[in-house]
């Protein structure tokens, strides 16, 4: 992340927390060059939730396949 004060990319996250019912993440950064701190707020995109739903569905399908193979082997 670029520092809001000096423009340096030498920053690090010192605190991160989820806010507003899990729809936003607030991060606190520290600039190693100028020593100042600043915050950002990031919103989670709906696409991320959709992707997670797809992954969970795929895992459920994989579990069904494993179960079917176990039944065939027995």
N, C-alpha and C. Protein backbone atom coordinates (compact mmCIF):
# COMPACT_ATOMS: atom_id res chain seq x y z
N UNK A 1 0.86 -1.17 0.00
CA UNK A 1 0.00 0.00 0.00
C UNK A 1 0.90 1.23 0.00
N UNK A 2 0.50 2.20 -0.74
CA UNK A 2 1.25 3.46 -0.82
C UNK A 2 0.86 4.38 0.32
N UNK A 3 1.85 5.00 0.96
CA UNK A 3 1.60 5.91 2.07
C UNK A 3 0.83 7.13 1.59
N UNK A 4 -0.20 7.50 2.33
CA UNK A 4 -1.03 8.66 1.96
C UNK A 4 -0.31 9.98 2.18
N UNK A 5 0.77 9.97 2.96
CA UNK A 5 1.47 11.21 3.29
C UNK A 5 2.70 11.44 2.41
N UNK A 6 3.58 10.42 2.32
CA UNK A 6 4.84 10.63 1.60
C UNK A 6 4.91 9.89 0.27
N UNK A 7 3.97 8.99 0.01
CA UNK A 7 3.94 8.26 -1.26
C UNK A 7 4.82 7.02 -1.30
N UNK A 8 5.46 6.68 -0.19
CA UNK A 8 6.34 5.53 -0.14
C UNK A 8 5.53 4.23 -0.17
N UNK A 9 6.13 3.19 -0.74
CA UNK A 9 5.51 1.87 -0.73
C UNK A 9 6.04 1.00 0.41
N UNK A 10 6.88 1.56 1.25
CA UNK A 10 7.45 0.84 2.40
C UNK A 10 6.50 0.95 3.58
N UNK A 11 5.36 0.28 3.48
CA UNK A 11 4.36 0.31 4.54
C UNK A 11 4.07 -1.11 5.00
N UNK A 12 3.47 -1.21 6.18
CA UNK A 12 3.08 -2.52 6.69
C UNK A 12 1.78 -2.39 7.46
N UNK A 13 1.02 -3.47 7.46
CA UNK A 13 -0.25 -3.51 8.18
C UNK A 13 0.05 -3.77 9.65
N UNK A 14 -0.50 -2.91 10.52
CA UNK A 14 -0.29 -3.11 11.96
C UNK A 14 -1.58 -3.56 12.65
N UNK A 15 -2.73 -3.40 11.98
CA UNK A 15 -4.00 -3.86 12.54
C UNK A 15 -4.97 -4.09 11.39
N UNK A 16 -5.78 -5.13 11.50
CA UNK A 16 -6.77 -5.43 10.48
C UNK A 16 -7.98 -6.03 11.17
N UNK A 17 -9.16 -5.51 10.86
CA UNK A 17 -10.38 -6.05 11.46
C UNK A 17 -11.55 -5.94 10.50
N UNK A 18 -12.48 -6.87 10.65
CA UNK A 18 -13.69 -6.89 9.84
C UNK A 18 -14.74 -6.06 10.55
N UNK A 19 -15.45 -5.23 9.79
CA UNK A 19 -16.49 -4.37 10.36
C UNK A 19 -17.76 -4.47 9.53
N UNK A 20 -18.83 -3.89 10.01
CA UNK A 20 -20.14 -3.81 9.34
C UNK A 20 -20.64 -5.18 8.89
N UNK A 21 -20.88 -6.04 9.84
CA UNK A 21 -21.45 -7.37 9.55
C UNK A 21 -20.62 -8.16 8.55
N UNK A 22 -19.33 -7.98 8.55
CA UNK A 22 -18.46 -8.76 7.69
C UNK A 22 -18.37 -8.29 6.25
N UNK A 23 -18.86 -7.10 5.97
CA UNK A 23 -18.84 -6.62 4.59
C UNK A 23 -17.67 -5.69 4.31
N UNK A 24 -16.96 -5.25 5.33
CA UNK A 24 -15.82 -4.35 5.15
C UNK A 24 -14.66 -4.80 6.02
N UNK A 25 -13.46 -4.43 5.59
CA UNK A 25 -12.26 -4.66 6.37
C UNK A 25 -11.55 -3.32 6.53
N UNK A 26 -11.23 -2.98 7.76
CA UNK A 26 -10.48 -1.76 8.05
C UNK A 26 -9.06 -2.16 8.41
N UNK A 27 -8.10 -1.53 7.72
CA UNK A 27 -6.69 -1.83 7.98
C UNK A 27 -5.96 -0.57 8.41
N UNK A 28 -5.08 -0.73 9.37
CA UNK A 28 -4.24 0.37 9.85
C UNK A 28 -2.82 0.07 9.40
N UNK A 29 -2.20 1.04 8.74
CA UNK A 29 -0.86 0.88 8.18
C UNK A 29 0.13 1.80 8.89
N UNK A 30 1.39 1.41 8.84
CA UNK A 30 2.48 2.23 9.35
C UNK A 30 3.49 2.38 8.21
N UNK A 31 3.90 3.62 7.94
CA UNK A 31 4.90 3.89 6.90
C UNK A 31 6.29 3.81 7.53
N UNK A 32 7.14 2.97 6.97
CA UNK A 32 8.49 2.83 7.49
C UNK A 32 9.37 4.03 7.15
N UNK A 33 9.03 4.78 6.10
CA UNK A 33 9.85 5.93 5.71
C UNK A 33 9.54 7.19 6.52
N UNK A 34 8.27 7.58 6.61
CA UNK A 34 7.95 8.83 7.31
C UNK A 34 7.45 8.60 8.74
N UNK A 35 7.09 7.35 9.07
CA UNK A 35 6.67 7.03 10.43
C UNK A 35 5.21 7.32 10.73
N UNK A 36 4.46 7.83 9.76
CA UNK A 36 3.05 8.14 10.01
C UNK A 36 2.19 6.90 9.83
N UNK A 37 0.98 6.98 10.38
CA UNK A 37 0.01 5.90 10.28
C UNK A 37 -1.21 6.38 9.52
N UNK A 38 -1.84 5.45 8.80
CA UNK A 38 -3.06 5.79 8.07
C UNK A 38 -3.95 4.56 7.99
N UNK A 39 -5.24 4.79 7.70
CA UNK A 39 -6.24 3.72 7.63
C UNK A 39 -6.78 3.57 6.23
N UNK A 40 -7.25 2.36 5.93
CA UNK A 40 -8.02 2.13 4.71
C UNK A 40 -9.24 1.30 5.09
N UNK A 41 -10.30 1.43 4.32
CA UNK A 41 -11.49 0.60 4.48
C UNK A 41 -11.75 -0.05 3.14
N UNK A 42 -11.86 -1.37 3.13
CA UNK A 42 -12.06 -2.11 1.89
C UNK A 42 -13.38 -2.85 1.98
N UNK A 43 -14.17 -2.76 0.93
CA UNK A 43 -15.44 -3.49 0.88
C UNK A 43 -15.21 -4.83 0.19
N UNK A 44 -15.86 -5.87 0.72
CA UNK A 44 -15.77 -7.17 0.08
C UNK A 44 -16.73 -7.18 -1.10
N UNK A 45 -16.25 -7.65 -2.21
CA UNK A 45 -17.06 -7.69 -3.43
C UNK A 45 -18.03 -8.87 -3.37
N UNK A 46 -19.16 -8.71 -4.02
CA UNK A 46 -20.13 -9.79 -4.10
C UNK A 46 -19.56 -10.98 -4.85
N UNK A 47 -18.62 -10.74 -5.77
CA UNK A 47 -18.01 -11.81 -6.54
C UNK A 47 -17.25 -12.77 -5.64
N UNK A 48 -16.67 -12.26 -4.57
CA UNK A 48 -15.94 -13.13 -3.65
C UNK A 48 -16.88 -14.11 -2.97
N UNK A 49 -18.07 -13.65 -2.59
CA UNK A 49 -19.04 -14.54 -1.97
C UNK A 49 -19.52 -15.57 -2.99
N UNK A 50 -19.75 -15.14 -4.22
CA UNK A 50 -20.19 -16.06 -5.26
C UNK A 50 -19.12 -17.13 -5.50
N UNK A 51 -17.87 -16.73 -5.54
CA UNK A 51 -16.77 -17.68 -5.75
C UNK A 51 -16.71 -18.67 -4.60
N UNK A 52 -16.88 -18.20 -3.38
CA UNK A 52 -16.86 -19.09 -2.22
C UNK A 52 -18.00 -20.09 -2.31
N UNK A 53 -19.18 -19.65 -2.74
CA UNK A 53 -20.30 -20.56 -2.91
C UNK A 53 -19.99 -21.63 -3.94
N UNK A 54 -19.32 -21.24 -5.03
CA UNK A 54 -18.94 -22.19 -6.08
C UNK A 54 -17.94 -23.21 -5.54
N UNK A 55 -17.00 -22.76 -4.74
CA UNK A 55 -15.99 -23.65 -4.17
C UNK A 55 -16.66 -24.65 -3.22
N UNK A 56 -17.58 -24.16 -2.39
CA UNK A 56 -18.28 -25.05 -1.46
C UNK A 56 -19.12 -26.08 -2.21
N UNK A 57 -19.74 -25.65 -3.30
CA UNK A 57 -20.53 -26.57 -4.12
C UNK A 57 -19.62 -27.64 -4.74
N UNK A 58 -18.46 -27.22 -5.22
CA UNK A 58 -17.51 -28.16 -5.81
C UNK A 58 -17.02 -29.16 -4.76
N UNK A 59 -16.74 -28.70 -3.56
CA UNK A 59 -16.32 -29.60 -2.49
C UNK A 59 -17.42 -30.60 -2.14
N UNK A 60 -18.66 -30.14 -2.14
CA UNK A 60 -19.78 -31.05 -1.86
C UNK A 60 -19.88 -32.10 -2.96
N UNK A 61 -19.67 -31.71 -4.20
CA UNK A 61 -19.70 -32.66 -5.32
C UNK A 61 -18.56 -33.66 -5.19
N UNK A 62 -17.40 -33.20 -4.79
CA UNK A 62 -16.25 -34.09 -4.62
C UNK A 62 -16.52 -35.09 -3.51
N UNK A 63 -17.14 -34.64 -2.45
CA UNK A 63 -17.48 -35.54 -1.34
C UNK A 63 -18.48 -36.60 -1.81
N UNK A 64 -19.44 -36.21 -2.63
CA UNK A 64 -20.40 -37.17 -3.17
C UNK A 64 -19.69 -38.20 -4.04
N UNK A 65 -18.73 -37.76 -4.83
CA UNK A 65 -17.98 -38.67 -5.70
C UNK A 65 -17.17 -39.66 -4.87
N UNK A 66 -16.53 -39.19 -3.83
CA UNK A 66 -15.75 -40.07 -2.95
C UNK A 66 -16.66 -41.09 -2.29
N UNK A 67 -17.82 -40.65 -1.87
CA UNK A 67 -18.78 -41.55 -1.23
C UNK A 67 -19.25 -42.62 -2.22
N UNK A 68 -19.51 -42.24 -3.46
CA UNK A 68 -19.95 -43.19 -4.49
C UNK A 68 -18.86 -44.23 -4.76
N UNK A 69 -17.61 -43.78 -4.82
CA UNK A 69 -16.50 -44.70 -5.05
C UNK A 69 -16.36 -45.68 -3.90
N UNK A 70 -16.53 -45.19 -2.68
CA UNK A 70 -16.46 -46.08 -1.51
C UNK A 70 -17.55 -47.16 -1.57
N UNK A 71 -18.74 -46.77 -1.99
CA UNK A 71 -19.84 -47.73 -2.10
C UNK A 71 -19.54 -48.78 -3.16
N UNK A 72 -18.94 -48.38 -4.27
CA UNK A 72 -18.61 -49.30 -5.34
C UNK A 72 -17.55 -50.30 -4.87
N UNK A 73 -16.55 -49.83 -4.14
CA UNK A 73 -15.45 -50.67 -3.68
C UNK A 73 -15.93 -51.70 -2.67
N UNK A 74 -16.88 -51.35 -1.85
CA UNK A 74 -17.34 -52.27 -0.81
C UNK A 74 -18.17 -53.32 -1.35
